Amino acid sequence: HHVGLPKEDMDYLYSEGPVMNHGMVQGNSRMCLFTGSQAVAEKLTLDLRGRVKLEDAGFDWKILGPDPSEVDYVVWQADQDAYGASGQKCSAQSMLIAHENWMELGIVDKLAAQAAKRNLDALTIGPVLTWSTPRILAHIERCLALPGAKLAFGGKPLEGHSIPAEYGAVEPTAVYIPLET
C-alpha cells in the first residue's frame, strides 16, 4: 500500500516469521498465500485452519554431470533460475555443481556474461526484498572466507538507482566454492 498498490487488491506483509504468523492469524483473511519452509507451512496450516495456499521453498541445486550438451541453453536456464526475479522465487537456483568438463568449457564465464546482460532499465534485475545490500555483501564475504572460495562474478552494489536502503541492490553474483569445502 505504501508504494501505491490499491488496498482492495491485496495485502503484502513483509516481516520476520513470528510477526508474519501473528498478522496472518489475527488478520482472519479468507485465504493467505505463503512461501517458506516446510515447518512454518505446517504451523500455518494448523494456525489458519487450512485457509492457506502453500508454495514449497527450497535450496535448489543444478547438477551438471560429465557430458556437456546444449551449453548455451544450460547457461541461459541457469541464469534464469538463479537471477530471474532477482533470485526471489521458490525455485531460485541456489547452487550450481558442475563437473570439470563443464568448467573446461567455461561455464562460469558464460554464465557471468549472461548475467551481465541484466539491468535495472530493462527490469531484468530489481531489489531483493528480504535482504539489505550490506547484509548480502556480508554474506558474500563470509562465503569468500571459506577455504578455496573466490568471487566468480558480481559481488558489487548496483549503482544509479533509487532502491530504498532496506532492500538489497547487488549485481547478479556467484561465489565459487570447491566441492570439498
N, C-alpha and C. Protein backbone atom coordinates (compact mmCIF):
# COMPACT_ATOMS: atom_id res chain seq x y z
N HIS A 1 0.83 -1.19 0.00
CA HIS A 1 0.00 0.00 0.00
C HIS A 1 0.87 1.25 0.00
N HIS A 2 2.02 1.16 0.67
CA HIS A 2 2.94 2.29 0.77
C HIS A 2 3.41 2.74 -0.62
N VAL A 3 3.54 1.81 -1.55
CA VAL A 3 4.04 2.15 -2.88
C VAL A 3 2.92 2.35 -3.89
N GLY A 4 1.66 2.38 -3.43
CA GLY A 4 0.57 2.72 -4.32
C GLY A 4 -0.33 1.59 -4.75
N LEU A 5 -0.09 0.37 -4.30
CA LEU A 5 -0.97 -0.75 -4.65
C LEU A 5 -2.34 -0.50 -4.04
N PRO A 6 -3.41 -0.60 -4.81
CA PRO A 6 -4.74 -0.37 -4.25
C PRO A 6 -5.02 -1.31 -3.08
N LYS A 7 -5.55 -0.74 -2.00
CA LYS A 7 -5.78 -1.53 -0.78
C LYS A 7 -6.78 -2.65 -0.98
N GLU A 8 -7.69 -2.49 -1.94
CA GLU A 8 -8.69 -3.54 -2.15
C GLU A 8 -8.14 -4.72 -2.96
N ASP A 9 -6.94 -4.58 -3.53
CA ASP A 9 -6.38 -5.66 -4.35
C ASP A 9 -5.71 -6.75 -3.53
N MET A 10 -4.81 -6.37 -2.64
CA MET A 10 -4.12 -7.38 -1.85
C MET A 10 -3.38 -6.73 -0.70
N ASP A 11 -3.06 -7.54 0.29
CA ASP A 11 -2.20 -7.11 1.38
C ASP A 11 -0.88 -7.83 1.24
N TYR A 12 0.20 -7.09 1.44
CA TYR A 12 1.53 -7.67 1.38
C TYR A 12 2.19 -7.35 2.71
N LEU A 13 2.57 -8.38 3.43
CA LEU A 13 3.20 -8.19 4.72
C LEU A 13 4.62 -8.72 4.65
N TYR A 14 5.57 -7.85 4.91
CA TYR A 14 6.98 -8.21 4.88
C TYR A 14 7.52 -8.10 6.30
N SER A 15 7.95 -9.21 6.86
CA SER A 15 8.40 -9.18 8.26
C SER A 15 9.12 -10.46 8.61
N GLU A 16 9.59 -10.52 9.83
CA GLU A 16 10.15 -11.76 10.37
C GLU A 16 9.02 -12.75 10.62
N GLY A 17 9.36 -14.02 10.77
CA GLY A 17 8.38 -15.09 10.89
C GLY A 17 7.31 -14.93 11.96
N PRO A 18 7.67 -14.67 13.22
CA PRO A 18 6.64 -14.56 14.26
C PRO A 18 5.66 -13.41 14.01
N VAL A 19 6.16 -12.31 13.48
CA VAL A 19 5.28 -11.17 13.16
C VAL A 19 4.34 -11.54 12.03
N MET A 20 4.88 -12.21 11.01
CA MET A 20 4.07 -12.65 9.88
C MET A 20 2.98 -13.61 10.36
N ASN A 21 3.35 -14.58 11.19
CA ASN A 21 2.39 -15.54 11.70
C ASN A 21 1.27 -14.82 12.44
N HIS A 22 1.62 -13.91 13.31
CA HIS A 22 0.62 -13.17 14.08
C HIS A 22 -0.32 -12.39 13.14
N GLY A 23 0.27 -11.72 12.17
CA GLY A 23 -0.55 -10.94 11.23
C GLY A 23 -1.50 -11.80 10.42
N MET A 24 -1.02 -12.96 9.98
CA MET A 24 -1.86 -13.85 9.19
C MET A 24 -2.99 -14.45 10.04
N VAL A 25 -2.67 -14.84 11.25
CA VAL A 25 -3.67 -15.45 12.13
C VAL A 25 -4.69 -14.40 12.59
N GLN A 26 -4.22 -13.25 13.04
CA GLN A 26 -5.11 -12.21 13.54
C GLN A 26 -5.87 -11.50 12.42
N GLY A 27 -5.30 -11.52 11.21
CA GLY A 27 -5.95 -10.85 10.08
C GLY A 27 -7.24 -11.51 9.65
N ASN A 28 -7.40 -12.79 9.98
CA ASN A 28 -8.63 -13.53 9.68
C ASN A 28 -9.05 -13.38 8.23
N SER A 29 -8.07 -13.41 7.32
CA SER A 29 -8.42 -13.29 5.91
C SER A 29 -9.01 -14.60 5.40
N ARG A 30 -9.69 -14.52 4.27
CA ARG A 30 -10.30 -15.71 3.69
C ARG A 30 -9.24 -16.69 3.20
N MET A 31 -8.14 -16.16 2.69
CA MET A 31 -7.11 -17.03 2.14
C MET A 31 -5.77 -16.29 2.20
N CYS A 32 -4.71 -17.02 2.51
CA CYS A 32 -3.37 -16.48 2.55
C CYS A 32 -2.51 -17.29 1.59
N LEU A 33 -1.54 -16.63 1.00
CA LEU A 33 -0.54 -17.29 0.17
C LEU A 33 0.76 -17.22 0.92
N PHE A 34 1.44 -18.34 1.04
CA PHE A 34 2.66 -18.40 1.82
C PHE A 34 3.74 -19.11 1.05
N THR A 35 4.94 -18.57 1.12
CA THR A 35 6.12 -19.20 0.56
C THR A 35 7.15 -19.29 1.68
N GLY A 36 7.66 -20.47 1.96
CA GLY A 36 8.66 -20.60 3.01
C GLY A 36 8.93 -22.05 3.33
N SER A 37 9.43 -22.28 4.54
CA SER A 37 9.87 -23.62 4.92
C SER A 37 8.71 -24.56 5.21
N GLN A 38 9.01 -25.85 5.18
CA GLN A 38 8.01 -26.88 5.46
C GLN A 38 7.49 -26.75 6.89
N ALA A 39 8.39 -26.52 7.85
CA ALA A 39 7.98 -26.42 9.25
C ALA A 39 7.01 -25.26 9.46
N VAL A 40 7.30 -24.13 8.86
CA VAL A 40 6.42 -22.97 9.00
C VAL A 40 5.10 -23.23 8.28
N ALA A 41 5.16 -23.88 7.12
CA ALA A 41 3.94 -24.21 6.39
C ALA A 41 3.02 -25.09 7.23
N GLU A 42 3.59 -26.08 7.90
CA GLU A 42 2.78 -26.96 8.75
C GLU A 42 2.14 -26.17 9.90
N LYS A 43 2.90 -25.27 10.50
CA LYS A 43 2.37 -24.45 11.60
C LYS A 43 1.24 -23.54 11.09
N LEU A 44 1.46 -22.90 9.95
CA LEU A 44 0.42 -22.01 9.41
C LEU A 44 -0.84 -22.78 9.02
N THR A 45 -0.66 -23.97 8.48
CA THR A 45 -1.83 -24.78 8.12
C THR A 45 -2.70 -25.02 9.34
N LEU A 46 -2.07 -25.34 10.46
CA LEU A 46 -2.82 -25.54 11.71
C LEU A 46 -3.39 -24.22 12.23
N ASP A 47 -2.55 -23.19 12.30
CA ASP A 47 -2.98 -21.90 12.84
C ASP A 47 -4.12 -21.28 12.04
N LEU A 48 -4.09 -21.45 10.72
CA LEU A 48 -5.10 -20.85 9.85
C LEU A 48 -6.21 -21.83 9.48
N ARG A 49 -6.21 -22.98 10.12
CA ARG A 49 -7.23 -24.00 9.89
C ARG A 49 -7.43 -24.28 8.39
N GLY A 50 -6.28 -24.40 7.69
CA GLY A 50 -6.31 -24.77 6.28
C GLY A 50 -6.55 -23.64 5.30
N ARG A 51 -6.75 -22.42 5.77
CA ARG A 51 -7.02 -21.28 4.87
C ARG A 51 -5.71 -20.69 4.36
N VAL A 52 -4.89 -21.51 3.73
CA VAL A 52 -3.59 -21.04 3.25
C VAL A 52 -3.21 -21.82 2.00
N LYS A 53 -2.65 -21.12 1.04
CA LYS A 53 -2.08 -21.75 -0.15
C LYS A 53 -0.58 -21.81 0.08
N LEU A 54 0.01 -22.98 -0.09
CA LEU A 54 1.42 -23.17 0.20
C LEU A 54 2.21 -23.36 -1.08
N GLU A 55 3.37 -22.75 -1.12
CA GLU A 55 4.31 -22.97 -2.21
C GLU A 55 5.60 -23.42 -1.56
N ASP A 56 6.09 -24.55 -1.98
CA ASP A 56 7.27 -25.14 -1.35
C ASP A 56 8.51 -24.33 -1.69
N ALA A 57 9.30 -24.05 -0.69
CA ALA A 57 10.58 -23.37 -0.88
C ALA A 57 11.69 -24.40 -0.84
N GLY A 58 12.86 -23.96 -1.17
CA GLY A 58 13.93 -24.93 -1.11
C GLY A 58 15.28 -24.33 -1.40
N PHE A 59 16.26 -25.14 -1.21
CA PHE A 59 17.63 -24.82 -1.53
C PHE A 59 17.90 -25.58 -2.82
N ASP A 60 17.61 -24.96 -3.95
CA ASP A 60 17.59 -25.67 -5.22
C ASP A 60 18.97 -25.72 -5.88
N TRP A 61 19.34 -26.91 -6.29
CA TRP A 61 20.62 -27.15 -6.91
C TRP A 61 20.43 -27.47 -8.38
N LYS A 62 21.45 -27.19 -9.16
CA LYS A 62 21.54 -27.65 -10.55
C LYS A 62 22.85 -28.43 -10.60
N ILE A 63 22.78 -29.69 -11.00
CA ILE A 63 23.97 -30.53 -11.07
C ILE A 63 24.24 -30.87 -12.53
N LEU A 64 25.43 -30.50 -13.01
CA LEU A 64 25.83 -30.74 -14.39
C LEU A 64 26.84 -31.87 -14.40
N GLY A 65 26.44 -33.00 -14.96
CA GLY A 65 27.28 -34.20 -14.97
C GLY A 65 28.42 -34.13 -15.98
N PRO A 66 29.06 -35.25 -16.26
CA PRO A 66 30.29 -35.26 -17.05
C PRO A 66 30.12 -35.05 -18.56
N ASP A 67 28.90 -35.08 -19.07
CA ASP A 67 28.69 -35.00 -20.51
C ASP A 67 28.00 -33.70 -20.90
N PRO A 68 28.77 -32.64 -21.15
CA PRO A 68 28.15 -31.36 -21.51
C PRO A 68 27.37 -31.45 -22.82
N SER A 69 26.21 -30.82 -22.82
CA SER A 69 25.43 -30.69 -24.04
C SER A 69 24.54 -29.46 -23.90
N GLU A 70 24.11 -28.94 -25.03
CA GLU A 70 23.21 -27.78 -25.02
C GLU A 70 23.76 -26.67 -24.12
N VAL A 71 25.05 -26.39 -24.24
CA VAL A 71 25.73 -25.48 -23.32
C VAL A 71 25.06 -24.12 -23.26
N ASP A 72 24.76 -23.53 -24.40
CA ASP A 72 24.14 -22.20 -24.40
C ASP A 72 22.77 -22.22 -23.71
N TYR A 73 22.01 -23.27 -23.96
CA TYR A 73 20.71 -23.38 -23.30
C TYR A 73 20.88 -23.56 -21.79
N VAL A 74 21.81 -24.38 -21.37
CA VAL A 74 22.05 -24.61 -19.95
C VAL A 74 22.47 -23.30 -19.28
N VAL A 75 23.32 -22.54 -19.93
CA VAL A 75 23.74 -21.24 -19.39
C VAL A 75 22.52 -20.33 -19.26
N TRP A 76 21.71 -20.25 -20.30
CA TRP A 76 20.52 -19.40 -20.26
C TRP A 76 19.59 -19.84 -19.12
N GLN A 77 19.36 -21.14 -19.01
CA GLN A 77 18.46 -21.65 -17.98
C GLN A 77 19.02 -21.41 -16.58
N ALA A 78 20.31 -21.61 -16.40
CA ALA A 78 20.93 -21.37 -15.09
C ALA A 78 20.80 -19.90 -14.71
N ASP A 79 20.99 -19.01 -15.66
CA ASP A 79 20.81 -17.58 -15.39
C ASP A 79 19.37 -17.27 -15.00
N GLN A 80 18.42 -17.83 -15.73
CA GLN A 80 17.01 -17.62 -15.40
C GLN A 80 16.69 -18.15 -14.00
N ASP A 81 17.20 -19.34 -13.71
CA ASP A 81 16.90 -19.98 -12.43
C ASP A 81 17.54 -19.25 -11.25
N ALA A 82 18.75 -18.74 -11.45
CA ALA A 82 19.46 -18.09 -10.35
C ALA A 82 19.10 -16.62 -10.20
N TYR A 83 18.92 -15.90 -11.30
CA TYR A 83 18.81 -14.45 -11.23
C TYR A 83 17.49 -13.89 -11.73
N GLY A 84 16.65 -14.72 -12.36
CA GLY A 84 15.33 -14.26 -12.75
C GLY A 84 14.54 -13.85 -11.51
N ALA A 85 13.77 -12.78 -11.61
CA ALA A 85 13.04 -12.22 -10.47
C ALA A 85 14.00 -11.91 -9.33
N SER A 86 15.21 -11.53 -9.68
CA SER A 86 16.28 -11.19 -8.72
C SER A 86 16.50 -12.31 -7.71
N GLY A 87 16.27 -13.54 -8.14
CA GLY A 87 16.50 -14.70 -7.28
C GLY A 87 15.47 -14.88 -6.19
N GLN A 88 14.33 -14.19 -6.32
CA GLN A 88 13.32 -14.21 -5.25
C GLN A 88 12.12 -15.06 -5.62
N LYS A 89 12.37 -16.27 -5.97
CA LYS A 89 11.29 -17.21 -6.25
C LYS A 89 11.67 -18.52 -5.59
N CYS A 90 10.69 -19.29 -5.27
CA CYS A 90 10.95 -20.54 -4.55
C CYS A 90 11.85 -21.47 -5.32
N SER A 91 11.78 -21.39 -6.62
CA SER A 91 12.59 -22.29 -7.44
C SER A 91 13.94 -21.68 -7.80
N ALA A 92 14.32 -20.59 -7.16
CA ALA A 92 15.60 -19.96 -7.49
C ALA A 92 16.75 -20.92 -7.25
N GLN A 93 17.64 -20.98 -8.23
CA GLN A 93 18.80 -21.84 -8.12
C GLN A 93 19.75 -21.29 -7.08
N SER A 94 20.06 -22.08 -6.08
CA SER A 94 20.95 -21.67 -5.00
C SER A 94 22.39 -22.09 -5.26
N MET A 95 22.55 -23.19 -5.99
CA MET A 95 23.88 -23.75 -6.16
C MET A 95 23.98 -24.42 -7.53
N LEU A 96 25.11 -24.23 -8.17
CA LEU A 96 25.41 -24.91 -9.42
C LEU A 96 26.62 -25.81 -9.16
N ILE A 97 26.43 -27.10 -9.32
CA ILE A 97 27.53 -28.06 -9.15
C ILE A 97 27.87 -28.56 -10.55
N ALA A 98 29.08 -28.25 -11.00
CA ALA A 98 29.46 -28.55 -12.38
C ALA A 98 30.66 -29.48 -12.43
N HIS A 99 30.54 -30.55 -13.22
CA HIS A 99 31.65 -31.46 -13.47
C HIS A 99 32.78 -30.66 -14.14
N GLU A 100 34.01 -31.13 -13.97
CA GLU A 100 35.17 -30.43 -14.54
C GLU A 100 35.05 -30.23 -16.05
N ASN A 101 34.34 -31.13 -16.75
CA ASN A 101 34.17 -30.96 -18.21
C ASN A 101 33.41 -29.67 -18.52
N TRP A 102 32.43 -29.33 -17.70
CA TRP A 102 31.70 -28.07 -17.88
C TRP A 102 32.61 -26.89 -17.55
N MET A 103 33.43 -27.06 -16.53
CA MET A 103 34.34 -25.98 -16.14
C MET A 103 35.34 -25.70 -17.27
N GLU A 104 35.83 -26.77 -17.90
CA GLU A 104 36.77 -26.61 -19.01
C GLU A 104 36.12 -25.89 -20.20
N LEU A 105 34.82 -26.02 -20.35
CA LEU A 105 34.09 -25.33 -21.42
C LEU A 105 33.82 -23.86 -21.08
N GLY A 106 34.18 -23.45 -19.86
CA GLY A 106 33.98 -22.06 -19.46
C GLY A 106 32.58 -21.74 -19.01
N ILE A 107 31.91 -22.69 -18.38
CA ILE A 107 30.52 -22.48 -17.95
C ILE A 107 30.38 -21.25 -17.04
N VAL A 108 31.35 -21.02 -16.17
CA VAL A 108 31.25 -19.88 -15.25
C VAL A 108 31.37 -18.56 -16.02
N ASP A 109 32.32 -18.48 -16.93
CA ASP A 109 32.47 -17.26 -17.73
C ASP A 109 31.24 -17.01 -18.60
N LYS A 110 30.68 -18.07 -19.16
CA LYS A 110 29.48 -17.93 -19.98
C LYS A 110 28.29 -17.46 -19.12
N LEU A 111 28.18 -18.01 -17.92
CA LEU A 111 27.11 -17.58 -17.02
C LEU A 111 27.32 -16.13 -16.59
N ALA A 112 28.56 -15.74 -16.34
CA ALA A 112 28.86 -14.35 -15.98
C ALA A 112 28.45 -13.40 -17.11
N ALA A 113 28.74 -13.79 -18.33
CA ALA A 113 28.38 -12.94 -19.49
C ALA A 113 26.86 -12.84 -19.63
N GLN A 114 26.16 -13.94 -19.41
CA GLN A 114 24.70 -13.93 -19.49
C GLN A 114 24.11 -13.05 -18.38
N ALA A 115 24.59 -13.23 -17.16
CA ALA A 115 24.08 -12.46 -16.02
C ALA A 115 24.39 -10.97 -16.18
N ALA A 116 25.51 -10.65 -16.82
CA ALA A 116 25.90 -9.25 -17.00
C ALA A 116 24.94 -8.49 -17.92
N LYS A 117 24.11 -9.20 -18.66
CA LYS A 117 23.12 -8.56 -19.53
C LYS A 117 21.95 -7.99 -18.73
N ARG A 118 21.79 -8.43 -17.50
CA ARG A 118 20.68 -7.98 -16.66
C ARG A 118 20.92 -6.54 -16.21
N ASN A 119 19.83 -5.73 -16.21
CA ASN A 119 19.97 -4.35 -15.75
C ASN A 119 18.63 -3.80 -15.28
N LEU A 120 18.72 -2.74 -14.53
CA LEU A 120 17.53 -2.10 -13.98
C LEU A 120 16.63 -1.51 -15.06
N ASP A 121 17.23 -0.89 -16.07
CA ASP A 121 16.44 -0.25 -17.13
C ASP A 121 15.52 -1.24 -17.84
N ALA A 122 16.01 -2.44 -18.07
CA ALA A 122 15.21 -3.47 -18.75
C ALA A 122 14.36 -4.27 -17.77
N LEU A 123 14.45 -3.94 -16.50
CA LEU A 123 13.71 -4.63 -15.43
C LEU A 123 14.06 -6.12 -15.38
N THR A 124 15.30 -6.44 -15.72
CA THR A 124 15.75 -7.83 -15.63
C THR A 124 16.51 -8.07 -14.33
N ILE A 125 16.60 -7.05 -13.52
CA ILE A 125 17.12 -7.15 -12.16
C ILE A 125 16.35 -6.12 -11.34
N GLY A 126 16.21 -6.40 -10.07
CA GLY A 126 15.47 -5.47 -9.21
C GLY A 126 15.90 -5.64 -7.77
N PRO A 127 15.20 -4.99 -6.88
CA PRO A 127 15.57 -5.07 -5.47
C PRO A 127 15.30 -6.45 -4.88
N VAL A 128 16.14 -6.82 -3.94
CA VAL A 128 15.92 -8.02 -3.14
C VAL A 128 15.15 -7.57 -1.91
N LEU A 129 13.93 -8.06 -1.74
CA LEU A 129 13.06 -7.56 -0.69
C LEU A 129 13.39 -8.10 0.70
N THR A 130 14.12 -9.20 0.77
CA THR A 130 14.32 -9.86 2.05
C THR A 130 15.68 -9.61 2.68
N TRP A 131 16.63 -9.07 1.94
CA TRP A 131 17.96 -8.81 2.48
C TRP A 131 18.41 -7.42 2.01
N SER A 132 19.05 -6.68 2.89
CA SER A 132 19.62 -5.37 2.51
C SER A 132 20.95 -5.58 1.79
N THR A 133 21.40 -4.55 1.10
CA THR A 133 22.70 -4.63 0.41
C THR A 133 23.83 -4.96 1.38
N PRO A 134 23.95 -4.28 2.53
CA PRO A 134 25.05 -4.65 3.44
C PRO A 134 24.97 -6.10 3.91
N ARG A 135 23.77 -6.61 4.13
CA ARG A 135 23.62 -8.00 4.57
C ARG A 135 24.04 -8.97 3.47
N ILE A 136 23.68 -8.68 2.23
CA ILE A 136 24.08 -9.52 1.09
C ILE A 136 25.60 -9.51 0.96
N LEU A 137 26.20 -8.32 1.01
CA LEU A 137 27.66 -8.21 0.85
C LEU A 137 28.38 -8.92 1.99
N ALA A 138 27.85 -8.84 3.21
CA ALA A 138 28.46 -9.54 4.35
C ALA A 138 28.39 -11.05 4.14
N HIS A 139 27.27 -11.54 3.59
CA HIS A 139 27.14 -12.98 3.31
C HIS A 139 28.16 -13.41 2.26
N ILE A 140 28.33 -12.59 1.24
CA ILE A 140 29.32 -12.90 0.21
C ILE A 140 30.71 -12.99 0.84
N GLU A 141 31.03 -12.06 1.71
CA GLU A 141 32.33 -12.07 2.39
C GLU A 141 32.51 -13.33 3.25
N ARG A 142 31.46 -13.75 3.93
CA ARG A 142 31.55 -14.98 4.73
C ARG A 142 31.79 -16.19 3.82
N CYS A 143 31.14 -16.21 2.67
CA CYS A 143 31.37 -17.31 1.73
C CYS A 143 32.80 -17.27 1.20
N LEU A 144 33.31 -16.07 0.91
CA LEU A 144 34.66 -15.95 0.38
C LEU A 144 35.73 -16.33 1.41
N ALA A 145 35.35 -16.36 2.68
CA ALA A 145 36.30 -16.75 3.73
C ALA A 145 36.48 -18.26 3.80
N LEU A 146 35.64 -19.01 3.10
CA LEU A 146 35.76 -20.48 3.09
C LEU A 146 37.01 -20.89 2.32
N PRO A 147 37.64 -22.00 2.70
CA PRO A 147 38.85 -22.45 2.00
C PRO A 147 38.63 -22.64 0.51
N GLY A 148 39.46 -21.99 -0.29
CA GLY A 148 39.41 -22.14 -1.74
C GLY A 148 38.34 -21.32 -2.44
N ALA A 149 37.53 -20.59 -1.70
CA ALA A 149 36.44 -19.82 -2.31
C ALA A 149 37.00 -18.60 -3.03
N LYS A 150 36.31 -18.19 -4.10
CA LYS A 150 36.68 -16.97 -4.82
C LYS A 150 35.43 -16.40 -5.49
N LEU A 151 35.46 -15.12 -5.71
CA LEU A 151 34.34 -14.46 -6.37
C LEU A 151 34.39 -14.82 -7.86
N ALA A 152 33.34 -15.45 -8.35
CA ALA A 152 33.28 -15.82 -9.77
C ALA A 152 32.87 -14.60 -10.60
N PHE A 153 31.85 -13.88 -10.12
CA PHE A 153 31.43 -12.63 -10.77
C PHE A 153 30.45 -11.90 -9.87
N GLY A 154 30.24 -10.64 -10.20
CA GLY A 154 29.31 -9.81 -9.43
C GLY A 154 29.92 -9.36 -8.12
N GLY A 155 29.09 -9.36 -7.08
CA GLY A 155 29.57 -9.00 -5.75
C GLY A 155 29.65 -7.52 -5.48
N LYS A 156 29.08 -6.69 -6.36
CA LYS A 156 29.14 -5.25 -6.16
C LYS A 156 27.73 -4.68 -6.05
N PRO A 157 27.59 -3.63 -5.26
CA PRO A 157 26.27 -2.97 -5.19
C PRO A 157 25.90 -2.38 -6.54
N LEU A 158 24.61 -2.37 -6.85
CA LEU A 158 24.14 -1.69 -8.05
C LEU A 158 24.33 -0.19 -7.86
N GLU A 159 24.54 0.51 -8.95
CA GLU A 159 24.72 1.96 -8.89
C GLU A 159 23.62 2.64 -9.69
N GLY A 160 23.39 3.92 -9.38
CA GLY A 160 22.46 4.72 -10.15
C GLY A 160 21.01 4.28 -10.04
N HIS A 161 20.55 4.01 -8.83
CA HIS A 161 19.17 3.54 -8.64
C HIS A 161 18.54 4.31 -7.49
N SER A 162 17.26 4.08 -7.31
CA SER A 162 16.53 4.70 -6.19
C SER A 162 15.91 3.62 -5.29
N ILE A 163 16.53 2.47 -5.24
CA ILE A 163 16.04 1.38 -4.40
C ILE A 163 16.26 1.76 -2.94
N PRO A 164 15.23 1.70 -2.11
CA PRO A 164 15.39 2.06 -0.70
C PRO A 164 16.46 1.21 -0.01
N ALA A 165 17.13 1.80 0.96
CA ALA A 165 18.27 1.16 1.63
C ALA A 165 17.91 -0.13 2.35
N GLU A 166 16.65 -0.30 2.75
CA GLU A 166 16.30 -1.53 3.47
C GLU A 166 16.22 -2.74 2.55
N TYR A 167 16.28 -2.52 1.25
CA TYR A 167 16.28 -3.62 0.29
C TYR A 167 17.68 -3.84 -0.26
N GLY A 168 17.86 -4.98 -0.89
CA GLY A 168 19.15 -5.29 -1.49
C GLY A 168 19.22 -4.82 -2.92
N ALA A 169 20.37 -4.32 -3.30
CA ALA A 169 20.61 -3.89 -4.67
C ALA A 169 22.04 -4.28 -5.03
N VAL A 170 22.20 -5.51 -5.49
CA VAL A 170 23.52 -6.08 -5.77
C VAL A 170 23.49 -6.74 -7.15
N GLU A 171 24.61 -6.63 -7.87
CA GLU A 171 24.72 -7.30 -9.16
C GLU A 171 24.48 -8.81 -9.00
N PRO A 172 24.00 -9.47 -10.06
CA PRO A 172 23.96 -10.94 -10.00
C PRO A 172 25.35 -11.44 -9.63
N THR A 173 25.39 -12.33 -8.65
CA THR A 173 26.66 -12.72 -8.05
C THR A 173 26.78 -14.23 -7.96
N ALA A 174 27.99 -14.72 -8.16
CA ALA A 174 28.30 -16.13 -7.93
C ALA A 174 29.63 -16.22 -7.20
N VAL A 175 29.66 -17.07 -6.22
CA VAL A 175 30.89 -17.36 -5.48
C VAL A 175 31.27 -18.81 -5.79
N TYR A 176 32.50 -19.00 -6.24
CA TYR A 176 33.00 -20.35 -6.48
C TYR A 176 33.49 -20.92 -5.17
N ILE A 177 32.99 -22.08 -4.81
CA ILE A 177 33.44 -22.78 -3.61
C ILE A 177 33.76 -24.22 -4.03
N PRO A 178 34.98 -24.67 -3.79
CA PRO A 178 35.33 -26.05 -4.19
C PRO A 178 34.41 -27.06 -3.51
N LEU A 179 34.09 -28.11 -4.22
CA LEU A 179 33.17 -29.12 -3.71
C LEU A 179 33.66 -29.70 -2.38
N GLU A 180 34.95 -29.90 -2.23
CA GLU A 180 35.45 -30.46 -0.99
C GLU A 180 35.22 -29.52 0.20
N THR A 181 35.11 -28.23 -0.05
CA THR A 181 34.83 -27.27 1.02
C THR A 181 33.37 -27.35 1.40
